[in-house]
Amino acid sequence: MRALLHIFFSDLINSLKDLLPIVIVVGLFQVFVIQSVPMNITSIILGFAIVAFGLAVFIRGLEVGIFPIGENLAHDFAAKGSLVWLLLFAFMLGFSTTIAEPALIAIANKASVISSGQIDAFWLRVTVALSVGCAIALGAYRIVAGHPIHYYIIAGYILVVIVTFFTPKEIIGLAYDSGGVTTSTVTVPLVAALGIGLASSIKGRNPMIDGFGLIAFASLTPMIFVQVYGIVVYSFGGDASLLPVAKVAAAEAFVFDPQKIIMELVGVIQDILPILGVIAFFQLLIIKKPIPRLRQTIVGIVLVVIGLYSFIIGLEMGLFPIGESLALSLTQTNNHALIYLFGFMIGFATTMAEPALIAIAMKAQEVSKTLINEKILRLSVAFGVGVGIALGSYRIVQGDPIHYYIIVGYIFVIIFTYFAPRYIVPIAYDSGGVTTSTVTVPLVAALGLGLASNIDGRNPMIDGFGLIAFASLFPMLTVMGYGIYAQKQVNKITPKE
């Protein structure tokens, strides 16, 4: 029991360290820019404490239950030798986890309201879920076939750019954002475990080079699918005019409501049930083997549910109200430099606390046998997100078309891919998909739509979306940059033969 408490307190201290950048950023802007102390300061402090507790419990649940079951499934499928069943499992896993993804639901509902109902929230979610299912299946096939990941990703970027020139401008930003909200906090660790497990089980595959990359596929295909969906909707769905969007309202202070809290717990369970259903079906009926270490797996899943639930409650009490209030206050000022600074700092801080990124960084350090440092990887990703959100905010203020920025970004990704060491490329591609999840999406969406709603001449549907796409693009560059630098340092100290 004492050992368990020691592990928990160690996890809790690490979680508090991860949240410290958010506290500093929010505190500095609240004191020096807004120049007031929030009325609900007690609720905010308690919320941050609950977030730290939830993050610690969630990470321990991943270690105990989610990572092992994902890797065991991958080993069993590799041993079974049936490519059809493997690809079907990958598709079902991607579809079932995405259709109920909270971040996707939030973005789809926003898009439906802003487009005057021309974009249907349900069908948008189905489109994205289908794209993610296809992406995970394609990524699994790539691992089995042993193809280099950059051939697929670069071809995908080219296809995204081609389709963009045929897509209505109202849908482009939303389509680009869709690629950043597909990979949930629970999906990322499970998908990563599946990829690494497959690469570890197939002769001739390298877990570092072949195991990562599934998340990158899940971030790429939605951009193509949603653009095609937009072409269909705006070509055959009539010419409904866009409704003006009301200015983004400040988030209300958290109110203790037992019924709402219970419903949110039910919601977390509902998000995880499809994943468990897919796992149970394939494990028991297709592989026809009992779930290994069932008791440990159940404990891990329960810890994930408790951790994720606590995390969400804490966010609603602490981070979301003050973060969205800050975003609203800044968008209503004429000080653009402050907006860009806030975008960078809040992007950096929230990414450092993003559970999906922590999970991937932990796994990358483990698989690379410390060749990749977890902390440095997370710092590289967080810096990329900060730069991306700052530049995306600048794009909204200036009113420039988003696809010019994204196309130039893709060109740089392709160039960096050529120079980066092979082991870092799949992880860099994955980094773009794990940066925008539970913590980041609501704040980034509030900032983008708030800017587009408060700046004259901006259309929330055309200009308000797209910040998430920037937050997904730039981490790929910073992580590959980290890999290039690290490899040069290794070459300096390695004696030449």
Protein backbone atom coordinates (compact mmCIF):
# COMPACT_ATOMS: atom_id res chain seq x y z
CA MET A 1 0.00 0.00 0.00
CA ARG A 2 2.84 2.37 0.87
CA ALA A 3 4.45 1.68 -2.52
CA LEU A 4 1.17 2.49 -4.31
CA LEU A 5 0.84 5.77 -2.41
CA HIS A 6 4.43 6.64 -3.30
CA ILE A 7 3.71 6.01 -7.01
CA PHE A 8 0.52 8.08 -6.86
CA PHE A 9 2.16 11.05 -5.13
CA SER A 10 5.02 10.91 -7.64
CA ASP A 11 2.46 11.01 -10.50
CA LEU A 12 0.60 13.85 -8.75
CA ILE A 13 3.76 15.95 -8.38
CA ASN A 14 4.56 15.41 -12.07
CA SER A 15 1.00 16.47 -12.99
CA LEU A 16 1.31 19.67 -10.93
CA LYS A 17 4.58 20.45 -12.73
CA ASP A 18 2.82 19.91 -16.08
CA LEU A 19 0.03 22.31 -15.11
CA LEU A 20 2.34 25.00 -13.72
CA PRO A 21 2.88 26.72 -17.13
CA ILE A 22 -0.90 27.17 -17.52
CA VAL A 23 -1.19 28.70 -14.05
CA ILE A 24 1.67 31.11 -14.81
CA VAL A 25 0.28 32.20 -18.21
CA VAL A 26 -3.27 32.68 -16.96
CA GLY A 27 -2.07 34.45 -13.81
CA LEU A 28 0.20 36.88 -15.70
CA PHE A 29 -2.49 37.87 -18.20
CA GLN A 30 -5.17 38.10 -15.53
CA VAL A 31 -3.09 40.38 -13.30
CA PHE A 32 -1.22 42.53 -15.84
CA VAL A 33 -3.65 42.65 -18.78
CA ILE A 34 -7.15 42.19 -17.37
CA GLN A 35 -5.96 43.71 -14.05
CA SER A 36 -8.53 42.00 -11.88
CA VAL A 37 -8.86 38.95 -9.67
CA PRO A 38 -11.60 36.50 -10.78
CA MET A 39 -14.60 36.43 -8.45
CA ASN A 40 -14.64 32.62 -8.49
CA ILE A 41 -10.96 32.29 -7.55
CA THR A 42 -11.64 29.50 -5.00
CA SER A 43 -13.44 27.41 -7.61
CA ILE A 44 -10.59 27.99 -10.08
CA ILE A 45 -7.89 26.88 -7.63
CA LEU A 46 -9.93 23.79 -6.68
CA GLY A 47 -10.43 23.06 -10.38
CA PHE A 48 -6.70 23.08 -11.06
CA ALA A 49 -6.15 20.71 -8.11
CA ILE A 50 -8.77 18.31 -9.51
CA VAL A 51 -7.16 18.50 -12.96
CA ALA A 52 -3.81 17.52 -11.43
CA PHE A 53 -5.43 14.59 -9.60
CA GLY A 54 -7.24 13.46 -12.76
CA LEU A 55 -4.11 13.66 -14.89
CA ALA A 56 -2.13 11.57 -12.39
CA VAL A 57 -4.82 8.87 -12.19
CA PHE A 58 -5.33 8.88 -15.97
CA ILE A 59 -1.63 8.31 -16.72
CA ARG A 60 -1.43 5.45 -14.21
CA GLY A 61 -4.51 3.87 -15.85
CA LEU A 62 -2.82 4.04 -19.25
CA GLU A 63 0.24 2.25 -17.90
CA VAL A 64 -1.79 -0.44 -16.16
CA GLY A 65 -4.58 -1.13 -18.65
CA ILE A 66 -4.68 0.67 -22.01
CA PHE A 67 -1.10 0.26 -23.27
CA PRO A 68 -0.89 -3.48 -22.43
CA ILE A 69 -4.23 -4.41 -24.01
CA GLY A 70 -3.41 -2.51 -27.21
CA GLU A 71 -0.03 -4.19 -27.57
CA ASN A 72 -1.46 -7.64 -26.75
CA LEU A 73 -4.11 -7.23 -29.44
CA ALA A 74 -1.46 -6.27 -31.97
CA HIS A 75 0.63 -9.34 -31.09
CA ASP A 76 -2.43 -11.61 -31.38
CA PHE A 77 -3.42 -10.22 -34.77
CA ALA A 78 0.14 -10.60 -36.05
CA ALA A 79 0.20 -14.20 -34.82
CA LYS A 80 -3.21 -14.92 -36.38
CA GLY A 81 -1.89 -13.76 -39.74
CA SER A 82 -5.22 -12.51 -41.08
CA LEU A 83 -4.77 -9.13 -42.76
CA VAL A 84 -8.53 -8.77 -43.39
CA TRP A 85 -9.45 -9.09 -39.71
CA LEU A 86 -6.60 -6.76 -38.69
CA LEU A 87 -7.75 -4.05 -41.11
CA LEU A 88 -11.39 -4.47 -40.06
CA PHE A 89 -10.39 -4.12 -36.40
CA ALA A 90 -8.35 -1.00 -37.23
CA PHE A 91 -11.28 0.52 -39.13
CA MET A 92 -13.81 -0.23 -36.37
CA LEU A 93 -11.45 1.13 -33.72
CA GLY A 94 -10.99 4.39 -35.63
CA PHE A 95 -14.68 4.84 -36.45
CA SER A 96 -16.10 3.93 -33.02
CA THR A 97 -13.70 6.13 -31.05
CA THR A 98 -14.13 9.15 -33.32
CA ILE A 99 -17.92 9.29 -33.72
CA ALA A 100 -18.30 10.07 -29.99
CA GLU A 101 -15.19 12.27 -29.64
CA PRO A 102 -16.20 15.31 -27.50
CA ALA A 103 -13.88 17.74 -29.31
CA LEU A 104 -15.34 16.69 -32.68
CA ILE A 105 -18.90 17.02 -31.37
CA ALA A 106 -18.13 20.55 -30.13
CA ILE A 107 -16.63 21.62 -33.46
CA ALA A 108 -19.45 20.00 -35.48
CA ASN A 109 -22.12 21.76 -33.42
CA LYS A 110 -20.33 25.11 -33.84
CA ALA A 111 -20.11 24.56 -37.60
CA SER A 112 -23.82 23.70 -37.82
CA VAL A 113 -24.85 26.86 -35.97
CA ILE A 114 -22.50 29.16 -37.86
CA SER A 115 -23.48 27.73 -41.27
CA SER A 116 -27.19 28.22 -40.58
CA GLY A 117 -27.67 24.45 -40.57
CA GLN A 118 -26.24 23.93 -44.04
CA ILE A 119 -23.54 21.77 -42.48
CA ASP A 120 -25.26 18.98 -40.58
CA ALA A 121 -23.45 18.20 -37.31
CA PHE A 122 -24.29 14.48 -37.37
CA TRP A 123 -23.22 13.89 -40.98
CA LEU A 124 -20.06 15.90 -40.44
CA ARG A 125 -19.20 13.60 -37.51
CA VAL A 126 -19.96 10.50 -39.61
CA THR A 127 -17.75 11.82 -42.41
CA VAL A 128 -14.85 12.43 -40.03
CA ALA A 129 -15.36 9.06 -38.28
CA LEU A 130 -15.32 7.23 -41.64
CA SER A 131 -12.13 9.03 -42.58
CA VAL A 132 -10.42 8.08 -39.32
CA GLY A 133 -11.52 4.45 -39.67
CA CYS A 134 -10.01 4.36 -43.16
CA ALA A 135 -6.89 6.12 -41.87
CA ILE A 136 -6.18 3.62 -39.07
CA ALA A 137 -6.77 0.72 -41.47
CA LEU A 138 -4.43 2.26 -44.06
CA GLY A 139 -1.83 2.93 -41.38
CA ALA A 140 -2.01 -0.66 -40.16
CA TYR A 141 -1.58 -1.89 -43.73
CA ARG A 142 1.50 0.32 -44.11
CA ILE A 143 3.10 -1.31 -41.06
CA VAL A 144 2.37 -4.81 -42.38
CA ALA A 145 3.68 -3.91 -45.84
CA GLY A 146 6.72 -2.11 -44.43
CA HIS A 147 6.29 0.98 -46.61
CA PRO A 148 8.03 4.24 -45.56
CA ILE A 149 5.47 6.53 -43.94
CA HIS A 150 6.55 9.72 -45.70
CA TYR A 151 5.43 8.39 -49.09
CA TYR A 152 1.87 8.12 -47.77
CA ILE A 153 1.89 11.41 -45.86
CA ILE A 154 3.40 13.48 -48.66
CA ALA A 155 0.94 11.98 -51.18
CA GLY A 156 -1.84 12.83 -48.73
CA TYR A 157 -0.70 16.45 -48.41
CA ILE A 158 -0.62 16.80 -52.18
CA LEU A 159 -4.17 15.43 -52.37
CA VAL A 160 -5.31 17.84 -49.61
CA VAL A 161 -3.91 20.78 -51.56
CA ILE A 162 -5.48 19.66 -54.86
CA VAL A 163 -8.92 19.20 -53.29
CA THR A 164 -8.60 22.58 -51.54
CA PHE A 165 -8.72 24.45 -54.86
CA PHE A 166 -12.14 22.89 -55.58
CA THR A 167 -13.55 23.36 -52.07
CA PRO A 168 -15.89 26.23 -51.09
CA LYS A 169 -14.03 28.75 -48.94
CA GLU A 170 -16.61 28.30 -46.16
CA ILE A 171 -15.47 24.71 -45.56
CA ILE A 172 -11.66 24.93 -45.90
CA GLY A 173 -10.85 26.09 -42.34
CA LEU A 174 -13.32 23.60 -40.85
CA ALA A 175 -11.84 20.77 -42.93
CA TYR A 176 -8.32 21.60 -41.81
CA ASP A 177 -9.47 21.78 -38.18
CA SER A 178 -11.20 18.38 -38.49
CA GLY A 179 -7.80 16.74 -38.79
CA GLY A 180 -6.82 18.07 -35.38
CA VAL A 181 -9.83 17.00 -33.31
CA THR A 182 -10.11 13.35 -34.30
CA THR A 183 -7.68 11.71 -31.93
CA SER A 184 -9.08 11.61 -28.41
CA THR A 185 -7.33 11.28 -25.09
CA VAL A 186 -8.17 7.56 -24.89
CA THR A 187 -7.80 6.77 -28.60
CA VAL A 188 -4.22 8.04 -28.93
CA PRO A 189 -2.63 5.65 -26.39
CA LEU A 190 -4.59 2.67 -27.72
CA VAL A 191 -3.79 3.42 -31.37
CA ALA A 192 -0.13 4.03 -30.50
CA ALA A 193 0.01 0.72 -28.63
CA LEU A 194 -1.56 -1.04 -31.63
CA GLY A 195 1.02 0.39 -34.04
CA ILE A 196 4.02 -0.32 -31.80
CA GLY A 197 2.70 -3.81 -31.01
CA LEU A 198 2.33 -4.61 -34.71
CA ALA A 199 5.81 -3.32 -35.54
CA SER A 200 7.26 -5.35 -32.66
CA SER A 201 5.50 -8.54 -33.76
CA ILE A 202 6.34 -8.53 -37.47
CA LYS A 203 9.80 -9.65 -38.52
CA GLY A 204 11.81 -6.92 -40.17
CA ARG A 205 9.81 -4.03 -38.67
CA ASN A 206 11.30 -1.41 -36.36
CA PRO A 207 8.97 -0.11 -33.59
CA MET A 208 10.55 3.35 -33.82
CA ILE A 209 10.33 3.72 -37.59
CA ASP A 210 7.26 1.61 -38.35
CA GLY A 211 5.31 1.63 -35.06
CA PHE A 212 4.46 5.32 -34.95
CA GLY A 213 2.43 7.12 -37.61
CA LEU A 214 -1.13 5.79 -37.19
CA ILE A 215 -2.20 9.05 -35.53
CA ALA A 216 -0.72 11.02 -38.44
CA PHE A 217 -3.01 9.16 -40.84
CA ALA A 218 -5.98 9.92 -38.58
CA SER A 219 -5.13 13.63 -38.74
CA LEU A 220 -4.66 13.71 -42.52
CA THR A 221 -7.63 11.87 -44.04
CA PRO A 222 -10.38 13.96 -42.35
CA MET A 223 -9.10 17.05 -44.20
CA ILE A 224 -9.75 15.27 -47.51
CA PHE A 225 -13.08 13.69 -46.54
CA VAL A 226 -14.53 16.90 -45.04
CA GLN A 227 -13.52 18.97 -48.07
CA VAL A 228 -15.28 16.47 -50.34
CA TYR A 229 -18.30 16.61 -48.00
CA GLY A 230 -18.24 20.42 -48.27
CA ILE A 231 -18.09 20.30 -52.06
CA VAL A 232 -21.19 18.09 -52.09
CA VAL A 233 -23.08 20.18 -49.52
CA TYR A 234 -22.38 23.54 -51.10
CA SER A 235 -22.91 22.27 -54.65
CA PHE A 236 -26.22 20.48 -54.07
CA GLY A 237 -27.44 21.82 -50.74
CA GLY A 238 -28.80 25.14 -51.90
CA ASP A 239 -27.49 28.64 -51.33
CA ALA A 240 -28.39 29.18 -47.69
CA SER A 241 -26.71 32.37 -46.52
CA LEU A 242 -24.48 32.31 -43.51
CA LEU A 243 -25.99 33.73 -40.37
CA PRO A 244 -23.96 36.32 -38.50
CA VAL A 245 -22.56 34.83 -35.33
CA ALA A 246 -23.16 36.50 -32.02
CA LYS A 247 -20.03 37.64 -30.27
CA VAL A 248 -18.50 34.88 -28.20
CA ALA A 249 -19.91 35.08 -24.73
CA ALA A 250 -17.71 34.81 -21.69
CA ALA A 251 -17.82 31.41 -20.09
CA GLU A 252 -19.97 31.22 -17.01
CA ALA A 253 -18.48 30.35 -13.68
CA PHE A 254 -18.74 26.70 -12.71
CA VAL A 255 -21.91 25.91 -10.77
CA PHE A 256 -22.08 22.74 -8.69
CA ASP A 257 -24.90 20.71 -10.20
CA PRO A 258 -25.02 17.04 -9.06
CA GLN A 259 -27.18 16.03 -12.02
CA LYS A 260 -24.79 17.62 -14.51
CA ILE A 261 -21.79 16.02 -12.82
CA ILE A 262 -23.40 12.58 -12.97
CA MET A 263 -24.31 13.09 -16.63
CA GLU A 264 -20.70 14.01 -17.42
CA LEU A 265 -19.53 10.79 -15.77
CA VAL A 266 -22.05 8.90 -17.92
CA GLY A 267 -20.70 10.80 -20.93
CA VAL A 268 -17.12 9.71 -20.21
CA ILE A 269 -18.25 6.11 -19.87
CA GLN A 270 -20.18 6.38 -23.14
CA ASP A 271 -17.06 7.68 -24.88
CA ILE A 272 -15.06 4.66 -23.71
CA LEU A 273 -17.73 1.95 -24.15
CA PRO A 274 -17.44 1.79 -27.99
CA ILE A 275 -13.70 1.22 -27.63
CA LEU A 276 -14.23 -1.54 -25.07
CA GLY A 277 -16.95 -3.10 -27.24
CA VAL A 278 -14.66 -3.27 -30.27
CA ILE A 279 -11.81 -4.70 -28.19
CA ALA A 280 -14.04 -7.33 -26.53
CA PHE A 281 -15.61 -8.41 -29.85
CA PHE A 282 -12.30 -8.96 -31.63
CA GLN A 283 -10.49 -10.42 -28.62
CA LEU A 284 -13.18 -12.94 -27.67
CA LEU A 285 -14.89 -13.76 -30.97
CA ILE A 286 -12.19 -13.30 -33.62
CA ILE A 287 -8.92 -14.03 -31.84
CA LYS A 288 -10.85 -16.39 -29.52
CA LYS A 289 -8.63 -15.84 -26.52
CA PRO A 290 -9.48 -14.48 -23.07
CA ILE A 291 -8.26 -10.97 -22.26
CA PRO A 292 -4.85 -11.38 -20.60
CA ARG A 293 -4.48 -10.05 -17.05
CA LEU A 294 -8.17 -9.24 -17.00
CA ARG A 295 -8.22 -7.89 -13.44
CA GLN A 296 -5.28 -5.55 -14.12
CA THR A 297 -6.89 -4.39 -17.36
CA ILE A 298 -10.20 -3.63 -15.60
CA VAL A 299 -8.37 -1.66 -12.90
CA GLY A 300 -6.53 0.31 -15.58
CA ILE A 301 -9.75 1.12 -17.46
CA VAL A 302 -11.47 2.22 -14.23
CA LEU A 303 -8.51 4.48 -13.44
CA VAL A 304 -8.70 5.96 -16.96
CA VAL A 305 -12.42 6.69 -16.51
CA ILE A 306 -11.91 8.27 -13.06
CA GLY A 307 -8.89 10.24 -14.24
CA LEU A 308 -10.50 11.54 -17.43
CA TYR A 309 -13.72 12.39 -15.59
CA SER A 310 -11.84 14.29 -12.86
CA PHE A 311 -9.79 16.02 -15.52
CA ILE A 312 -12.91 17.27 -17.34
CA ILE A 313 -14.62 18.44 -14.13
CA GLY A 314 -11.46 20.28 -13.08
CA LEU A 315 -11.19 21.96 -16.48
CA GLU A 316 -14.77 23.20 -16.23
CA MET A 317 -14.15 24.56 -12.74
CA GLY A 318 -10.75 26.12 -13.35
CA LEU A 319 -9.28 26.43 -16.81
CA PHE A 320 -12.20 26.89 -19.21
CA PRO A 321 -13.99 29.80 -17.47
CA ILE A 322 -10.89 31.89 -16.94
CA GLY A 323 -9.29 30.87 -20.24
CA GLU A 324 -12.33 31.68 -22.36
CA SER A 325 -12.87 34.91 -20.42
CA LEU A 326 -9.29 35.92 -21.16
CA ALA A 327 -9.67 35.02 -24.84
CA LEU A 328 -12.85 37.10 -25.07
CA SER A 329 -11.28 40.11 -23.33
CA LEU A 330 -8.25 40.02 -25.61
CA THR A 331 -10.29 39.73 -28.82
CA GLN A 332 -12.20 42.85 -27.82
CA THR A 333 -9.02 44.93 -27.51
CA ASN A 334 -7.15 46.56 -30.37
CA ASN A 335 -3.79 45.30 -29.11
CA HIS A 336 -2.93 42.63 -31.65
CA ALA A 337 0.51 41.99 -30.15
CA LEU A 338 -1.13 40.89 -26.89
CA ILE A 339 -3.40 38.52 -28.82
CA TYR A 340 -0.42 36.89 -30.54
CA LEU A 341 1.49 36.65 -27.26
CA PHE A 342 -1.52 35.09 -25.53
CA GLY A 343 -1.97 32.65 -28.42
CA PHE A 344 1.64 31.52 -28.18
CA MET A 345 1.75 31.24 -24.40
CA ILE A 346 -1.61 29.52 -23.92
CA GLY A 347 -0.78 27.14 -26.79
CA PHE A 348 2.54 26.25 -25.21
CA ALA A 349 1.14 25.89 -21.69
CA THR A 350 -1.94 23.82 -22.52
CA THR A 351 0.05 21.49 -24.78
CA MET A 352 2.51 20.71 -21.99
CA ALA A 353 -0.49 19.44 -19.97
CA GLU A 354 -2.18 17.58 -22.86
CA PRO A 355 -2.75 13.95 -21.74
CA ALA A 356 -2.54 12.52 -25.28
CA LEU A 357 0.87 14.13 -25.84
CA ILE A 358 2.15 12.90 -22.48
CA ALA A 359 1.10 9.36 -23.44
CA ILE A 360 2.87 9.49 -26.82
CA ALA A 361 6.01 11.06 -25.34
CA MET A 362 6.20 8.36 -22.66
CA LYS A 363 5.87 5.63 -25.26
CA ALA A 364 8.41 7.28 -27.60
CA GLN A 365 11.01 7.45 -24.83
CA GLU A 366 10.35 3.83 -23.88
CA VAL A 367 10.53 2.45 -27.43
CA SER A 368 13.58 4.54 -28.39
CA LYS A 369 15.45 3.33 -25.29
CA THR A 370 15.89 6.99 -24.21
CA LEU A 371 17.21 8.08 -27.62
CA ILE A 372 14.23 10.45 -27.49
CA ASN A 373 13.81 12.43 -24.28
CA GLU A 374 10.18 12.70 -23.16
CA LYS A 375 10.51 16.23 -21.75
CA ILE A 376 12.39 17.62 -24.75
CA LEU A 377 9.89 16.03 -27.14
CA ARG A 378 6.99 17.63 -25.27
CA LEU A 379 8.77 21.00 -25.18
CA SER A 380 9.36 20.79 -28.94
CA VAL A 381 5.71 20.00 -29.60
CA ALA A 382 4.47 22.71 -27.21
CA PHE A 383 6.70 25.31 -28.84
CA GLY A 384 5.33 24.32 -32.25
CA VAL A 385 1.74 24.65 -31.03
CA GLY A 386 2.48 28.07 -29.54
CA VAL A 387 4.00 29.34 -32.80
CA GLY A 388 1.12 27.83 -34.78
CA ILE A 389 -1.62 29.49 -32.72
CA ALA A 390 0.18 32.84 -32.76
CA LEU A 391 0.56 32.70 -36.55
CA GLY A 392 -3.02 31.47 -36.94
CA SER A 393 -4.24 34.42 -34.88
CA TYR A 394 -2.24 36.75 -37.12
CA ARG A 395 -3.91 35.14 -40.15
CA ILE A 396 -7.37 35.88 -38.72
CA VAL A 397 -6.48 39.48 -37.86
CA GLN A 398 -5.12 40.07 -41.37
CA GLY A 399 -7.96 38.20 -43.08
CA ASP A 400 -5.66 36.11 -45.26
CA PRO A 401 -6.90 32.84 -46.88
CA ILE A 402 -5.87 29.92 -44.70
CA HIS A 403 -4.80 27.54 -47.44
CA TYR A 404 -1.84 29.71 -48.47
CA TYR A 405 -0.36 29.33 -44.98
CA ILE A 406 -1.11 25.62 -44.79
CA ILE A 407 0.33 24.87 -48.25
CA VAL A 408 3.59 26.67 -47.38
CA GLY A 409 3.64 24.74 -44.10
CA TYR A 410 3.29 21.43 -45.95
CA ILE A 411 6.18 22.37 -48.23
CA PHE A 412 8.37 22.93 -45.17
CA VAL A 413 7.20 19.61 -43.67
CA ILE A 414 8.29 17.82 -46.88
CA ILE A 415 11.69 19.59 -46.84
CA PHE A 416 12.25 18.78 -43.15
CA THR A 417 11.28 15.16 -43.80
CA TYR A 418 14.16 14.85 -46.24
CA PHE A 419 16.75 16.05 -43.70
CA ALA A 420 15.33 14.55 -40.47
CA PRO A 421 16.61 11.20 -39.15
CA ARG A 422 14.26 8.35 -40.05
CA TYR A 423 13.44 7.45 -36.45
CA ILE A 424 11.98 10.90 -35.68
CA VAL A 425 9.77 11.32 -38.79
CA PRO A 426 6.81 9.08 -37.75
CA ILE A 427 6.80 10.58 -34.23
CA ALA A 428 6.88 14.09 -35.71
CA TYR A 429 3.90 13.26 -37.94
CA ASP A 430 2.04 11.82 -34.94
CA SER A 431 2.83 14.94 -32.89
CA GLY A 432 0.54 16.99 -35.11
CA GLY A 433 -2.42 14.80 -34.14
CA VAL A 434 -1.97 14.64 -30.37
CA THR A 435 -1.61 18.35 -29.67
CA THR A 436 -5.26 19.33 -29.99
CA SER A 437 -7.42 17.33 -27.62
CA THR A 438 -9.13 17.68 -24.25
CA VAL A 439 -7.36 20.82 -23.01
CA THR A 440 -6.41 22.74 -26.12
CA VAL A 441 -9.41 22.53 -28.47
CA PRO A 442 -12.00 24.47 -26.41
CA LEU A 443 -9.62 27.36 -25.69
CA VAL A 444 -8.27 27.52 -29.24
CA ALA A 445 -11.77 27.37 -30.74
CA ALA A 446 -12.93 30.16 -28.39
CA LEU A 447 -9.96 32.33 -29.40
CA GLY A 448 -10.45 31.81 -33.15
CA LEU A 449 -14.21 32.34 -33.20
CA GLY A 450 -13.87 35.26 -30.78
CA LEU A 451 -11.38 36.98 -33.07
CA ALA A 452 -13.49 36.38 -36.19
CA SER A 453 -16.62 37.63 -34.39
CA ASN A 454 -15.08 40.85 -33.07
CA ILE A 455 -12.98 42.01 -36.02
CA ASP A 456 -14.82 43.92 -38.73
CA GLY A 457 -14.88 42.22 -42.11
CA ARG A 458 -14.22 38.74 -40.76
CA ASN A 459 -16.63 35.84 -41.29
CA PRO A 460 -16.65 33.32 -38.40
CA MET A 461 -17.29 30.42 -40.80
CA ILE A 462 -14.44 31.35 -43.14
CA ASP A 463 -11.99 32.95 -40.71
CA GLY A 464 -12.95 31.58 -37.28
CA PHE A 465 -11.92 28.00 -37.94
CA GLY A 466 -8.35 26.99 -38.72
CA LEU A 467 -6.41 27.69 -35.51
CA ILE A 468 -6.49 23.98 -34.65
CA ALA A 469 -4.96 23.23 -38.06
CA PHE A 470 -2.07 25.60 -37.31
CA ALA A 471 -1.64 23.95 -33.91
CA SER A 472 -1.39 20.56 -35.64
CA LEU A 473 1.01 21.61 -38.41
CA PHE A 474 3.85 23.38 -36.65
CA PRO A 475 4.71 20.65 -34.10
CA MET A 476 5.73 18.43 -37.04
CA LEU A 477 8.33 21.03 -37.99
CA THR A 478 9.64 21.62 -34.47
CA VAL A 479 9.90 17.89 -33.67
CA MET A 480 11.77 17.15 -36.91
CA GLY A 481 13.95 20.18 -36.17
CA TYR A 482 14.68 18.65 -32.75
CA GLY A 483 15.57 15.36 -34.46
CA ILE A 484 17.92 17.06 -36.95
CA TYR A 485 19.69 18.93 -34.14
CA ALA A 486 19.95 15.83 -31.93
CA GLN A 487 21.40 13.78 -34.77
CA LYS A 488 24.03 16.44 -35.47
CA GLN A 489 25.04 16.38 -31.80
CA VAL A 490 25.35 12.59 -31.91
CA ASN A 491 27.47 12.79 -35.05
CA LYS A 492 29.81 15.28 -33.34
CA ILE A 493 30.58 12.96 -30.42
CA THR A 494 30.66 9.72 -32.42
CA PRO A 495 34.20 8.95 -33.57
CA LYS A 496 34.57 8.52 -37.29
CA GLU A 497 35.81 5.16 -38.45
